Amino acid sequence: MNKKYLFLSGLLIVLGIIMAFLPAKKYGVQISPENLLLELTDDTRFVSTDEVALYLIEADPQVQLIDVRTPEEFELFSLPGAVNVPMDSLLNPNFEPYVDQVGMKTVLYSNGSVYASQAWMLYRRKAYSNIYIMKGGLNEWVETILKPIAPAATSPKEAFDLYDTRVAASQFFGGGSVVVAPNSSSGSKPAVQRKKKKAAKGGC
């Protein structure tokens, strides 16, 4: 297994253990630590970028996207219709109505999966339901939806079907005009440009 994913998995488990034992009075705990730890081992908390693209294309009224990045990152690039609830504001009562909606599927995302996973743990700790994470975040969105890569000639038919679907989604979201900037020597994160907006390609 990729060392990066092993590290992220370990980090999430450690964060889950810490969250499970945070003081109840501060976070209004309604879900038991045992259940939270069990949920951390269940991949059903993730939705793929393909699923999110379908929600957006179909304008599903029962799905809302929450971008947990900074307001500056959100301003540069965000998914259509997403609401910005930065990490430092997740427990702000003003944003509570966004996650406290019966029958609404809430999908959290960041550049990667780490910050969105932290936000998921905070919200699940408070027993909010129907909370999900867009797996891979915007980095995965760029790689799979905006700039899909054609499968190898020997790939099965399913791979070509998925690629065709992603190409159609890319055209829908304007991915054909996306330009990925190379890494700079200063170590800053590369950016993706679309319709005069930039999407940071970085971790978390």
N, C-alpha and C. Protein backbone atom coordinates (compact mmCIF):
# COMPACT_ATOMS: atom_id res chain seq x y z
N MET A 1 0.85 -1.20 0.00
CA MET A 1 0.00 0.00 0.00
C MET A 1 0.89 1.25 0.00
N ASN A 2 0.47 2.30 -0.65
CA ASN A 2 1.21 3.55 -0.74
C ASN A 2 1.49 4.10 0.66
N LYS A 3 2.77 4.48 0.90
CA LYS A 3 3.16 4.98 2.22
C LYS A 3 2.38 6.23 2.61
N LYS A 4 2.07 7.06 1.60
CA LYS A 4 1.31 8.28 1.86
C LYS A 4 -0.05 7.96 2.48
N TYR A 5 -0.74 6.95 1.91
CA TYR A 5 -2.06 6.60 2.41
C TYR A 5 -1.98 5.91 3.77
N LEU A 6 -0.90 5.15 3.99
CA LEU A 6 -0.70 4.54 5.31
C LEU A 6 -0.54 5.62 6.37
N PHE A 7 0.26 6.66 6.02
CA PHE A 7 0.47 7.75 6.96
C PHE A 7 -0.84 8.49 7.24
N LEU A 8 -1.60 8.80 6.18
CA LEU A 8 -2.87 9.51 6.35
C LEU A 8 -3.86 8.68 7.17
N SER A 9 -3.89 7.37 6.91
CA SER A 9 -4.78 6.49 7.67
C SER A 9 -4.42 6.50 9.14
N GLY A 10 -3.11 6.42 9.42
CA GLY A 10 -2.65 6.45 10.81
C GLY A 10 -2.99 7.76 11.48
N LEU A 11 -2.79 8.86 10.73
CA LEU A 11 -3.10 10.19 11.26
C LEU A 11 -4.58 10.32 11.61
N LEU A 12 -5.44 9.82 10.72
CA LEU A 12 -6.88 9.91 10.97
C LEU A 12 -7.29 9.08 12.18
N ILE A 13 -6.68 7.93 12.35
CA ILE A 13 -7.01 7.10 13.51
C ILE A 13 -6.59 7.79 14.80
N VAL A 14 -5.39 8.39 14.80
CA VAL A 14 -4.93 9.13 15.98
C VAL A 14 -5.86 10.30 16.27
N LEU A 15 -6.23 11.06 15.22
CA LEU A 15 -7.15 12.19 15.41
C LEU A 15 -8.50 11.71 15.92
N GLY A 16 -8.94 10.56 15.42
CA GLY A 16 -10.21 10.01 15.89
C GLY A 16 -10.18 9.66 17.36
N ILE A 17 -9.07 9.09 17.80
CA ILE A 17 -8.93 8.74 19.22
C ILE A 17 -8.94 10.00 20.07
N ILE A 18 -8.23 11.04 19.60
CA ILE A 18 -8.21 12.31 20.34
C ILE A 18 -9.61 12.91 20.41
N MET A 19 -10.30 12.94 19.25
CA MET A 19 -11.65 13.50 19.21
C MET A 19 -12.62 12.71 20.09
N ALA A 20 -12.41 11.41 20.16
CA ALA A 20 -13.33 10.57 20.93
C ALA A 20 -13.30 10.89 22.41
N PHE A 21 -12.18 11.41 22.88
CA PHE A 21 -12.05 11.67 24.31
C PHE A 21 -12.00 13.14 24.67
N LEU A 22 -12.40 14.00 23.74
CA LEU A 22 -12.50 15.42 24.07
C LEU A 22 -13.65 15.64 25.07
N PRO A 23 -13.54 16.67 25.89
CA PRO A 23 -14.59 16.92 26.88
C PRO A 23 -15.97 17.05 26.27
N ALA A 24 -16.93 16.41 26.87
CA ALA A 24 -18.30 16.38 26.34
C ALA A 24 -18.97 17.75 26.40
N LYS A 25 -18.73 18.51 27.47
CA LYS A 25 -19.43 19.77 27.63
C LYS A 25 -19.08 20.77 26.54
N LYS A 26 -17.84 20.73 26.08
CA LYS A 26 -17.42 21.69 25.07
C LYS A 26 -18.06 21.42 23.72
N TYR A 27 -18.25 20.16 23.36
CA TYR A 27 -18.72 19.82 22.03
C TYR A 27 -20.14 19.28 21.98
N GLY A 28 -20.83 19.25 23.11
CA GLY A 28 -22.20 18.77 23.11
C GLY A 28 -22.30 17.35 22.58
N VAL A 29 -21.51 16.47 23.14
CA VAL A 29 -21.39 15.11 22.61
C VAL A 29 -22.71 14.37 22.62
N GLN A 30 -23.04 13.73 21.48
CA GLN A 30 -24.21 12.87 21.40
C GLN A 30 -23.86 11.51 20.83
N ILE A 31 -22.66 11.37 20.28
CA ILE A 31 -22.25 10.10 19.71
C ILE A 31 -21.14 9.52 20.58
N SER A 32 -21.19 8.23 20.82
CA SER A 32 -20.21 7.63 21.73
C SER A 32 -18.84 7.54 21.07
N PRO A 33 -17.77 7.59 21.88
CA PRO A 33 -16.42 7.46 21.33
C PRO A 33 -16.24 6.14 20.57
N GLU A 34 -16.86 5.09 21.07
CA GLU A 34 -16.72 3.78 20.41
C GLU A 34 -17.30 3.82 18.99
N ASN A 35 -18.48 4.43 18.87
CA ASN A 35 -19.12 4.51 17.56
C ASN A 35 -18.32 5.38 16.59
N LEU A 36 -17.74 6.46 17.11
CA LEU A 36 -16.94 7.34 16.26
C LEU A 36 -15.72 6.59 15.74
N LEU A 37 -15.07 5.82 16.60
CA LEU A 37 -13.90 5.05 16.17
C LEU A 37 -14.29 3.99 15.15
N LEU A 38 -15.46 3.38 15.33
CA LEU A 38 -15.93 2.39 14.36
C LEU A 38 -16.18 3.04 13.00
N GLU A 39 -16.76 4.23 13.01
CA GLU A 39 -17.05 4.93 11.76
C GLU A 39 -15.78 5.31 11.02
N LEU A 40 -14.69 5.53 11.78
CA LEU A 40 -13.43 5.89 11.15
C LEU A 40 -12.87 4.77 10.29
N THR A 41 -13.28 3.55 10.58
CA THR A 41 -12.79 2.41 9.79
C THR A 41 -13.72 2.07 8.63
N ASP A 42 -14.78 2.86 8.48
CA ASP A 42 -15.79 2.59 7.45
C ASP A 42 -15.64 3.59 6.31
N ASP A 43 -15.30 3.11 5.13
CA ASP A 43 -15.07 3.99 3.99
C ASP A 43 -16.36 4.57 3.40
N THR A 44 -17.50 4.22 3.95
CA THR A 44 -18.75 4.78 3.41
C THR A 44 -18.88 6.27 3.72
N ARG A 45 -17.97 6.81 4.53
CA ARG A 45 -18.01 8.25 4.79
C ARG A 45 -17.47 9.04 3.60
N PHE A 46 -16.86 8.35 2.64
CA PHE A 46 -16.32 9.01 1.46
C PHE A 46 -17.27 8.94 0.27
N VAL A 47 -17.28 10.00 -0.53
CA VAL A 47 -17.93 9.97 -1.84
C VAL A 47 -16.85 10.32 -2.85
N SER A 48 -16.94 9.77 -4.03
CA SER A 48 -15.92 10.01 -5.05
C SER A 48 -16.16 11.33 -5.78
N THR A 49 -15.13 11.79 -6.46
CA THR A 49 -15.28 13.01 -7.27
C THR A 49 -16.29 12.77 -8.40
N ASP A 50 -16.38 11.53 -8.87
CA ASP A 50 -17.36 11.22 -9.91
C ASP A 50 -18.78 11.39 -9.39
N GLU A 51 -19.01 10.96 -8.14
CA GLU A 51 -20.34 11.13 -7.54
C GLU A 51 -20.66 12.60 -7.36
N VAL A 52 -19.68 13.38 -6.90
CA VAL A 52 -19.91 14.82 -6.70
C VAL A 52 -20.20 15.49 -8.03
N ALA A 53 -19.47 15.12 -9.07
CA ALA A 53 -19.71 15.69 -10.39
C ALA A 53 -21.15 15.40 -10.84
N LEU A 54 -21.61 14.19 -10.59
CA LEU A 54 -22.98 13.83 -10.97
C LEU A 54 -24.01 14.65 -10.18
N TYR A 55 -23.76 14.83 -8.87
CA TYR A 55 -24.67 15.65 -8.06
C TYR A 55 -24.79 17.05 -8.67
N LEU A 56 -23.64 17.62 -9.07
CA LEU A 56 -23.64 18.98 -9.59
C LEU A 56 -24.29 19.05 -10.97
N ILE A 57 -24.00 18.09 -11.82
CA ILE A 57 -24.59 18.08 -13.16
C ILE A 57 -26.11 17.95 -13.09
N GLU A 58 -26.57 17.09 -12.17
CA GLU A 58 -28.01 16.88 -12.02
C GLU A 58 -28.66 17.93 -11.13
N ALA A 59 -27.85 18.84 -10.57
CA ALA A 59 -28.35 19.88 -9.66
C ALA A 59 -29.20 19.27 -8.55
N ASP A 60 -28.67 18.25 -7.93
CA ASP A 60 -29.40 17.53 -6.87
C ASP A 60 -29.68 18.48 -5.70
N PRO A 61 -30.95 18.76 -5.42
CA PRO A 61 -31.29 19.73 -4.36
C PRO A 61 -31.06 19.19 -2.95
N GLN A 62 -30.80 17.89 -2.83
CA GLN A 62 -30.60 17.30 -1.51
C GLN A 62 -29.13 17.12 -1.17
N VAL A 63 -28.26 17.73 -1.96
CA VAL A 63 -26.82 17.65 -1.72
C VAL A 63 -26.27 19.06 -1.59
N GLN A 64 -25.47 19.29 -0.54
CA GLN A 64 -24.79 20.56 -0.41
C GLN A 64 -23.30 20.30 -0.20
N LEU A 65 -22.48 21.17 -0.76
CA LEU A 65 -21.03 21.06 -0.64
C LEU A 65 -20.52 22.12 0.32
N ILE A 66 -19.66 21.70 1.24
CA ILE A 66 -19.04 22.63 2.17
C ILE A 66 -17.54 22.58 1.98
N ASP A 67 -16.97 23.72 1.62
CA ASP A 67 -15.54 23.89 1.41
C ASP A 67 -14.94 24.36 2.73
N VAL A 68 -14.03 23.55 3.31
CA VAL A 68 -13.49 23.89 4.64
C VAL A 68 -12.14 24.61 4.55
N ARG A 69 -11.77 25.04 3.36
CA ARG A 69 -10.51 25.77 3.20
C ARG A 69 -10.68 27.22 3.66
N THR A 70 -9.62 27.99 3.56
CA THR A 70 -9.67 29.39 3.97
C THR A 70 -10.51 30.20 2.98
N PRO A 71 -11.04 31.34 3.42
CA PRO A 71 -11.80 32.20 2.51
C PRO A 71 -10.98 32.61 1.28
N GLU A 72 -9.67 32.81 1.47
CA GLU A 72 -8.82 33.20 0.35
C GLU A 72 -8.74 32.09 -0.70
N GLU A 73 -8.57 30.85 -0.24
CA GLU A 73 -8.54 29.72 -1.17
C GLU A 73 -9.89 29.54 -1.85
N PHE A 74 -10.94 29.71 -1.08
CA PHE A 74 -12.30 29.57 -1.62
C PHE A 74 -12.56 30.60 -2.71
N GLU A 75 -12.08 31.82 -2.49
CA GLU A 75 -12.29 32.90 -3.45
C GLU A 75 -11.56 32.61 -4.77
N LEU A 76 -10.39 31.99 -4.68
CA LEU A 76 -9.62 31.68 -5.88
C LEU A 76 -10.27 30.60 -6.73
N PHE A 77 -10.80 29.56 -6.06
CA PHE A 77 -11.44 28.47 -6.79
C PHE A 77 -12.30 27.66 -5.84
N SER A 78 -13.49 27.31 -6.29
CA SER A 78 -14.36 26.45 -5.49
C SER A 78 -15.30 25.70 -6.43
N LEU A 79 -15.93 24.68 -5.93
CA LEU A 79 -16.88 23.94 -6.72
C LEU A 79 -18.20 24.72 -6.82
N PRO A 80 -18.93 24.59 -7.91
CA PRO A 80 -20.19 25.34 -8.08
C PRO A 80 -21.17 25.11 -6.94
N GLY A 81 -21.67 26.20 -6.38
CA GLY A 81 -22.68 26.12 -5.34
C GLY A 81 -22.16 25.80 -3.95
N ALA A 82 -20.85 25.64 -3.79
CA ALA A 82 -20.30 25.29 -2.48
C ALA A 82 -20.39 26.45 -1.51
N VAL A 83 -20.49 26.12 -0.23
CA VAL A 83 -20.51 27.10 0.85
C VAL A 83 -19.17 27.02 1.57
N ASN A 84 -18.60 28.16 1.90
CA ASN A 84 -17.31 28.17 2.60
C ASN A 84 -17.52 28.24 4.11
N VAL A 85 -17.09 27.17 4.79
CA VAL A 85 -17.08 27.13 6.25
C VAL A 85 -15.65 26.76 6.64
N PRO A 86 -14.77 27.75 6.88
CA PRO A 86 -13.37 27.47 7.17
C PRO A 86 -13.18 26.62 8.41
N MET A 87 -12.05 25.94 8.47
CA MET A 87 -11.76 25.04 9.59
C MET A 87 -11.91 25.73 10.95
N ASP A 88 -11.48 26.98 11.04
CA ASP A 88 -11.54 27.67 12.32
C ASP A 88 -12.95 28.17 12.66
N SER A 89 -13.90 27.92 11.78
CA SER A 89 -15.28 28.34 12.03
C SER A 89 -16.27 27.18 12.06
N LEU A 90 -15.75 25.95 12.04
CA LEU A 90 -16.63 24.78 11.96
C LEU A 90 -17.65 24.70 13.09
N LEU A 91 -17.24 25.13 14.28
CA LEU A 91 -18.15 25.04 15.43
C LEU A 91 -18.81 26.38 15.75
N ASN A 92 -18.68 27.33 14.83
CA ASN A 92 -19.33 28.62 15.01
C ASN A 92 -20.85 28.43 14.85
N PRO A 93 -21.64 28.86 15.83
CA PRO A 93 -23.10 28.68 15.75
C PRO A 93 -23.73 29.28 14.50
N ASN A 94 -23.08 30.29 13.90
CA ASN A 94 -23.63 30.90 12.69
C ASN A 94 -23.64 29.94 11.51
N PHE A 95 -22.73 28.94 11.54
CA PHE A 95 -22.65 27.99 10.43
C PHE A 95 -23.40 26.70 10.72
N GLU A 96 -23.90 26.57 11.94
CA GLU A 96 -24.58 25.34 12.34
C GLU A 96 -25.75 24.96 11.42
N PRO A 97 -26.55 25.92 10.96
CA PRO A 97 -27.68 25.55 10.09
C PRO A 97 -27.26 24.82 8.81
N TYR A 98 -26.04 25.03 8.36
CA TYR A 98 -25.60 24.37 7.13
C TYR A 98 -25.47 22.86 7.30
N VAL A 99 -25.09 22.42 8.51
CA VAL A 99 -24.90 20.98 8.72
C VAL A 99 -26.06 20.35 9.48
N ASP A 100 -26.91 21.19 10.05
CA ASP A 100 -28.03 20.67 10.84
C ASP A 100 -29.31 20.71 10.02
N GLN A 101 -29.30 19.98 8.88
CA GLN A 101 -30.45 19.96 7.99
C GLN A 101 -30.90 18.52 7.76
N VAL A 102 -32.10 18.21 8.19
CA VAL A 102 -32.65 16.87 8.03
C VAL A 102 -32.89 16.59 6.55
N GLY A 103 -32.46 15.43 6.09
CA GLY A 103 -32.68 15.03 4.71
C GLY A 103 -31.70 15.59 3.71
N MET A 104 -30.71 16.36 4.19
CA MET A 104 -29.72 16.94 3.30
C MET A 104 -28.42 16.16 3.41
N LYS A 105 -27.83 15.84 2.28
CA LYS A 105 -26.54 15.15 2.25
C LYS A 105 -25.46 16.22 2.14
N THR A 106 -24.58 16.28 3.14
CA THR A 106 -23.53 17.29 3.17
C THR A 106 -22.20 16.65 2.81
N VAL A 107 -21.53 17.21 1.81
CA VAL A 107 -20.22 16.71 1.38
C VAL A 107 -19.17 17.77 1.68
N LEU A 108 -18.20 17.40 2.51
CA LEU A 108 -17.11 18.28 2.88
C LEU A 108 -15.94 18.07 1.94
N TYR A 109 -15.23 19.15 1.61
CA TYR A 109 -14.01 18.98 0.82
C TYR A 109 -12.98 20.05 1.15
N SER A 110 -11.73 19.71 0.87
CA SER A 110 -10.61 20.64 1.00
C SER A 110 -9.68 20.36 -0.18
N ASN A 111 -8.41 20.75 -0.10
CA ASN A 111 -7.50 20.45 -1.21
C ASN A 111 -7.27 18.94 -1.32
N GLY A 112 -7.06 18.29 -0.18
CA GLY A 112 -6.91 16.85 -0.13
C GLY A 112 -8.05 16.28 0.69
N SER A 113 -7.74 15.27 1.52
CA SER A 113 -8.78 14.68 2.37
C SER A 113 -8.59 14.96 3.85
N VAL A 114 -7.42 15.46 4.24
CA VAL A 114 -7.09 15.56 5.67
C VAL A 114 -7.98 16.56 6.40
N TYR A 115 -8.03 17.81 5.93
CA TYR A 115 -8.85 18.81 6.62
C TYR A 115 -10.33 18.46 6.58
N ALA A 116 -10.78 17.95 5.45
CA ALA A 116 -12.19 17.56 5.35
C ALA A 116 -12.48 16.41 6.32
N SER A 117 -11.52 15.52 6.52
CA SER A 117 -11.70 14.41 7.47
C SER A 117 -11.76 14.93 8.90
N GLN A 118 -10.95 15.93 9.20
CA GLN A 118 -11.01 16.54 10.53
C GLN A 118 -12.37 17.20 10.76
N ALA A 119 -12.86 17.89 9.74
CA ALA A 119 -14.18 18.52 9.85
C ALA A 119 -15.25 17.46 10.02
N TRP A 120 -15.14 16.37 9.29
CA TRP A 120 -16.11 15.26 9.42
C TRP A 120 -16.14 14.74 10.85
N MET A 121 -14.95 14.58 11.45
CA MET A 121 -14.91 14.07 12.83
C MET A 121 -15.56 15.03 13.80
N LEU A 122 -15.33 16.31 13.62
CA LEU A 122 -15.96 17.30 14.50
C LEU A 122 -17.48 17.24 14.39
N TYR A 123 -17.98 17.17 13.17
CA TYR A 123 -19.43 17.14 12.97
C TYR A 123 -20.05 15.83 13.42
N ARG A 124 -19.37 14.73 13.20
CA ARG A 124 -19.90 13.45 13.67
C ARG A 124 -19.84 13.37 15.19
N ARG A 125 -18.82 13.99 15.77
CA ARG A 125 -18.72 14.05 17.23
C ARG A 125 -19.94 14.74 17.82
N LYS A 126 -20.47 15.70 17.09
CA LYS A 126 -21.68 16.41 17.52
C LYS A 126 -22.94 15.71 17.03
N ALA A 127 -22.75 14.53 16.44
CA ALA A 127 -23.86 13.66 16.02
C ALA A 127 -24.65 14.19 14.83
N TYR A 128 -24.04 15.04 14.00
CA TYR A 128 -24.70 15.42 12.76
C TYR A 128 -24.65 14.22 11.83
N SER A 129 -25.73 14.00 11.11
CA SER A 129 -25.80 12.83 10.22
C SER A 129 -25.71 13.25 8.76
N ASN A 130 -25.56 12.25 7.89
CA ASN A 130 -25.46 12.48 6.45
C ASN A 130 -24.31 13.42 6.09
N ILE A 131 -23.18 13.24 6.79
CA ILE A 131 -21.97 14.01 6.53
C ILE A 131 -20.99 13.11 5.79
N TYR A 132 -20.44 13.62 4.68
CA TYR A 132 -19.52 12.83 3.86
C TYR A 132 -18.29 13.66 3.50
N ILE A 133 -17.28 12.98 2.97
CA ILE A 133 -16.04 13.61 2.55
C ILE A 133 -15.82 13.32 1.07
N MET A 134 -15.49 14.35 0.29
CA MET A 134 -15.11 14.09 -1.10
C MET A 134 -13.68 13.55 -1.09
N LYS A 135 -13.55 12.29 -1.41
CA LYS A 135 -12.26 11.61 -1.31
C LYS A 135 -11.24 12.23 -2.27
N GLY A 136 -10.10 12.60 -1.71
CA GLY A 136 -9.04 13.19 -2.51
C GLY A 136 -9.14 14.69 -2.68
N GLY A 137 -10.30 15.26 -2.34
CA GLY A 137 -10.49 16.70 -2.41
C GLY A 137 -10.32 17.28 -3.81
N LEU A 138 -9.95 18.56 -3.84
CA LEU A 138 -9.82 19.25 -5.12
C LEU A 138 -8.66 18.71 -5.96
N ASN A 139 -7.64 18.18 -5.29
CA ASN A 139 -6.54 17.57 -6.05
C ASN A 139 -7.07 16.43 -6.91
N GLU A 140 -7.90 15.59 -6.30
CA GLU A 140 -8.50 14.47 -7.02
C GLU A 140 -9.49 14.98 -8.07
N TRP A 141 -10.20 16.06 -7.76
CA TRP A 141 -11.16 16.65 -8.69
C TRP A 141 -10.45 17.06 -9.99
N VAL A 142 -9.31 17.72 -9.84
CA VAL A 142 -8.55 18.16 -11.01
C VAL A 142 -8.08 16.95 -11.82
N GLU A 143 -7.57 15.93 -11.14
CA GLU A 143 -7.00 14.77 -11.83
C GLU A 143 -8.05 13.89 -12.50
N THR A 144 -9.23 13.80 -11.91
CA THR A 144 -10.24 12.88 -12.44
C THR A 144 -11.33 13.55 -13.26
N ILE A 145 -11.73 14.75 -12.87
CA ILE A 145 -12.84 15.42 -13.54
C ILE A 145 -12.37 16.47 -14.53
N LEU A 146 -11.50 17.37 -14.11
CA LEU A 146 -11.08 18.44 -15.01
C LEU A 146 -10.04 17.98 -16.03
N LYS A 147 -9.15 17.08 -15.63
CA LYS A 147 -8.07 16.62 -16.52
C LYS A 147 -7.98 15.10 -16.51
N PRO A 148 -9.04 14.41 -16.92
CA PRO A 148 -9.01 12.94 -16.89
C PRO A 148 -7.95 12.38 -17.83
N ILE A 149 -7.36 11.27 -17.41
CA ILE A 149 -6.31 10.62 -18.20
C ILE A 149 -6.90 9.38 -18.88
N ALA A 150 -6.65 9.26 -20.16
CA ALA A 150 -7.17 8.13 -20.91
C ALA A 150 -6.56 6.83 -20.40
N PRO A 151 -7.36 5.77 -20.30
CA PRO A 151 -6.83 4.49 -19.83
C PRO A 151 -5.92 3.85 -20.88
N ALA A 152 -5.13 2.89 -20.44
CA ALA A 152 -4.26 2.16 -21.36
C ALA A 152 -5.11 1.36 -22.34
N ALA A 153 -4.55 1.09 -23.50
CA ALA A 153 -5.28 0.39 -24.56
C ALA A 153 -5.76 -0.99 -24.11
N THR A 154 -5.05 -1.56 -23.15
CA THR A 154 -5.40 -2.91 -22.69
C THR A 154 -6.40 -2.89 -21.52
N SER A 155 -6.84 -1.71 -21.14
CA SER A 155 -7.78 -1.60 -20.01
C SER A 155 -9.13 -2.20 -20.36
N PRO A 156 -9.87 -2.64 -19.33
CA PRO A 156 -11.21 -3.19 -19.59
C PRO A 156 -12.19 -2.12 -20.05
N LYS A 157 -13.31 -2.56 -20.60
CA LYS A 157 -14.33 -1.65 -21.12
C LYS A 157 -14.81 -0.67 -20.06
N GLU A 158 -14.91 -1.14 -18.81
CA GLU A 158 -15.39 -0.27 -17.72
C GLU A 158 -14.50 0.95 -17.56
N ALA A 159 -13.20 0.79 -17.76
CA ALA A 159 -12.27 1.91 -17.63
C ALA A 159 -12.52 2.94 -18.72
N PHE A 160 -12.83 2.48 -19.92
CA PHE A 160 -13.13 3.41 -21.02
C PHE A 160 -14.47 4.09 -20.82
N ASP A 161 -15.44 3.37 -20.27
CA ASP A 161 -16.74 3.97 -19.98
C ASP A 161 -16.59 5.08 -18.94
N LEU A 162 -15.78 4.81 -17.89
CA LEU A 162 -15.55 5.81 -16.86
C LEU A 162 -14.83 7.02 -17.45
N TYR A 163 -13.86 6.76 -18.30
CA TYR A 163 -13.12 7.85 -18.93
C TYR A 163 -14.06 8.72 -19.78
N ASP A 164 -14.93 8.09 -20.56
CA ASP A 164 -15.89 8.84 -21.38
C ASP A 164 -16.79 9.72 -20.51
N THR A 165 -17.22 9.16 -19.38
CA THR A 165 -18.06 9.92 -18.46
C THR A 165 -17.30 11.12 -17.90
N ARG A 166 -16.03 10.90 -17.56
CA ARG A 166 -15.21 11.98 -17.00
C ARG A 166 -14.92 13.07 -18.04
N VAL A 167 -14.73 12.66 -19.28
CA VAL A 167 -14.50 13.65 -20.35
C VAL A 167 -15.75 14.52 -20.50
N ALA A 168 -16.92 13.91 -20.46
CA ALA A 168 -18.16 14.67 -20.56
C ALA A 168 -18.30 15.63 -19.38
N ALA A 169 -17.94 15.14 -18.17
CA ALA A 169 -18.01 15.99 -16.98
C ALA A 169 -17.00 17.13 -17.09
N SER A 170 -15.82 16.83 -17.62
CA SER A 170 -14.80 17.86 -17.80
C SER A 170 -15.30 18.97 -18.71
N GLN A 171 -15.98 18.59 -19.79
CA GLN A 171 -16.54 19.59 -20.70
C GLN A 171 -17.63 20.41 -20.01
N PHE A 172 -18.42 19.75 -19.18
CA PHE A 172 -19.49 20.43 -18.45
C PHE A 172 -18.91 21.49 -17.52
N PHE A 173 -17.82 21.14 -16.83
CA PHE A 173 -17.23 22.06 -15.86
C PHE A 173 -16.13 22.94 -16.46
N GLY A 174 -15.97 22.90 -17.76
CA GLY A 174 -14.96 23.76 -18.40
C GLY A 174 -13.55 23.27 -18.24
N GLY A 175 -13.37 21.98 -17.99
CA GLY A 175 -12.04 21.44 -17.75
C GLY A 175 -11.14 21.47 -18.97
N GLY A 176 -11.74 21.58 -20.15
CA GLY A 176 -10.92 21.60 -21.35
C GLY A 176 -10.01 22.80 -21.41
N SER A 177 -10.37 23.89 -20.68
CA SER A 177 -9.55 25.09 -20.70
C SER A 177 -8.66 25.21 -19.47
N VAL A 178 -8.60 24.14 -18.68
CA VAL A 178 -7.80 24.19 -17.46
C VAL A 178 -6.32 24.10 -17.79
N VAL A 179 -5.53 24.96 -17.17
CA VAL A 179 -4.09 24.92 -17.34
C VAL A 179 -3.47 24.69 -15.97
N VAL A 180 -2.65 23.65 -15.84
CA VAL A 180 -2.00 23.37 -14.57
C VAL A 180 -0.63 23.99 -14.59
N ALA A 181 -0.39 24.91 -13.67
CA ALA A 181 0.90 25.59 -13.62
C ALA A 181 1.95 24.69 -12.98
N PRO A 182 3.19 24.72 -13.46
CA PRO A 182 4.24 23.87 -12.88
C PRO A 182 4.63 24.36 -11.50
N ASN A 183 5.31 23.47 -10.73
CA ASN A 183 5.80 23.85 -9.41
C ASN A 183 6.85 24.93 -9.57
N SER A 184 6.82 25.89 -8.70
CA SER A 184 7.83 26.94 -8.73
C SER A 184 8.98 26.56 -7.83
N SER A 185 10.14 27.19 -8.02
CA SER A 185 11.31 26.87 -7.21
C SER A 185 11.16 27.37 -5.79
N SER A 186 10.20 28.26 -5.55
CA SER A 186 10.00 28.80 -4.20
C SER A 186 9.26 27.83 -3.30
N GLY A 187 8.77 26.74 -3.87
CA GLY A 187 8.07 25.76 -3.03
C GLY A 187 6.60 26.06 -2.87
N SER A 188 6.09 27.09 -3.54
CA SER A 188 4.67 27.40 -3.42
C SER A 188 3.86 26.37 -4.18
N LYS A 189 2.59 26.28 -3.84
CA LYS A 189 1.72 25.28 -4.45
C LYS A 189 1.37 25.67 -5.88
N PRO A 190 1.37 24.69 -6.80
CA PRO A 190 0.94 25.00 -8.15
C PRO A 190 -0.53 25.36 -8.16
N ALA A 191 -0.96 26.04 -9.20
CA ALA A 191 -2.35 26.48 -9.26
C ALA A 191 -3.00 25.99 -10.53
N VAL A 192 -4.31 25.89 -10.48
CA VAL A 192 -5.09 25.52 -11.65
C VAL A 192 -5.93 26.72 -12.01
N GLN A 193 -5.95 27.08 -13.29
CA GLN A 193 -6.70 28.24 -13.71
C GLN A 193 -7.91 27.83 -14.52
N ARG A 194 -9.06 28.42 -14.19
CA ARG A 194 -10.28 28.17 -14.95
C ARG A 194 -11.16 29.40 -14.83
N LYS A 195 -11.42 30.01 -15.95
CA LYS A 195 -12.28 31.19 -15.97
C LYS A 195 -11.81 32.23 -14.96
N LYS A 196 -10.51 32.55 -15.03
CA LYS A 196 -9.88 33.57 -14.20
C LYS A 196 -9.89 33.22 -12.71
N LYS A 197 -10.06 31.94 -12.37
CA LYS A 197 -9.98 31.52 -10.99
C LYS A 197 -8.86 30.52 -10.86
N LYS A 198 -8.31 30.37 -9.66
CA LYS A 198 -7.23 29.43 -9.45
C LYS A 198 -7.62 28.44 -8.36
N ALA A 199 -7.24 27.20 -8.57
CA ALA A 199 -7.49 26.16 -7.56
C ALA A 199 -6.15 25.69 -7.05
N ALA A 200 -5.92 25.85 -5.77
CA ALA A 200 -4.66 25.41 -5.19
C ALA A 200 -4.56 23.92 -5.26
N LYS A 201 -3.41 23.43 -5.68
CA LYS A 201 -3.17 21.99 -5.69
C LYS A 201 -2.16 21.75 -4.59
N GLY A 202 -2.63 21.31 -3.45
CA GLY A 202 -1.74 21.09 -2.32
C GLY A 202 -2.32 20.08 -1.39
N GLY A 203 -1.65 19.90 -0.29
CA GLY A 203 -2.12 18.91 0.67
C GLY A 203 -3.27 19.39 1.51
N CYS A 204 -3.84 18.47 2.26
CA CYS A 204 -4.89 18.72 3.23
C CYS A 204 -6.18 19.18 2.59
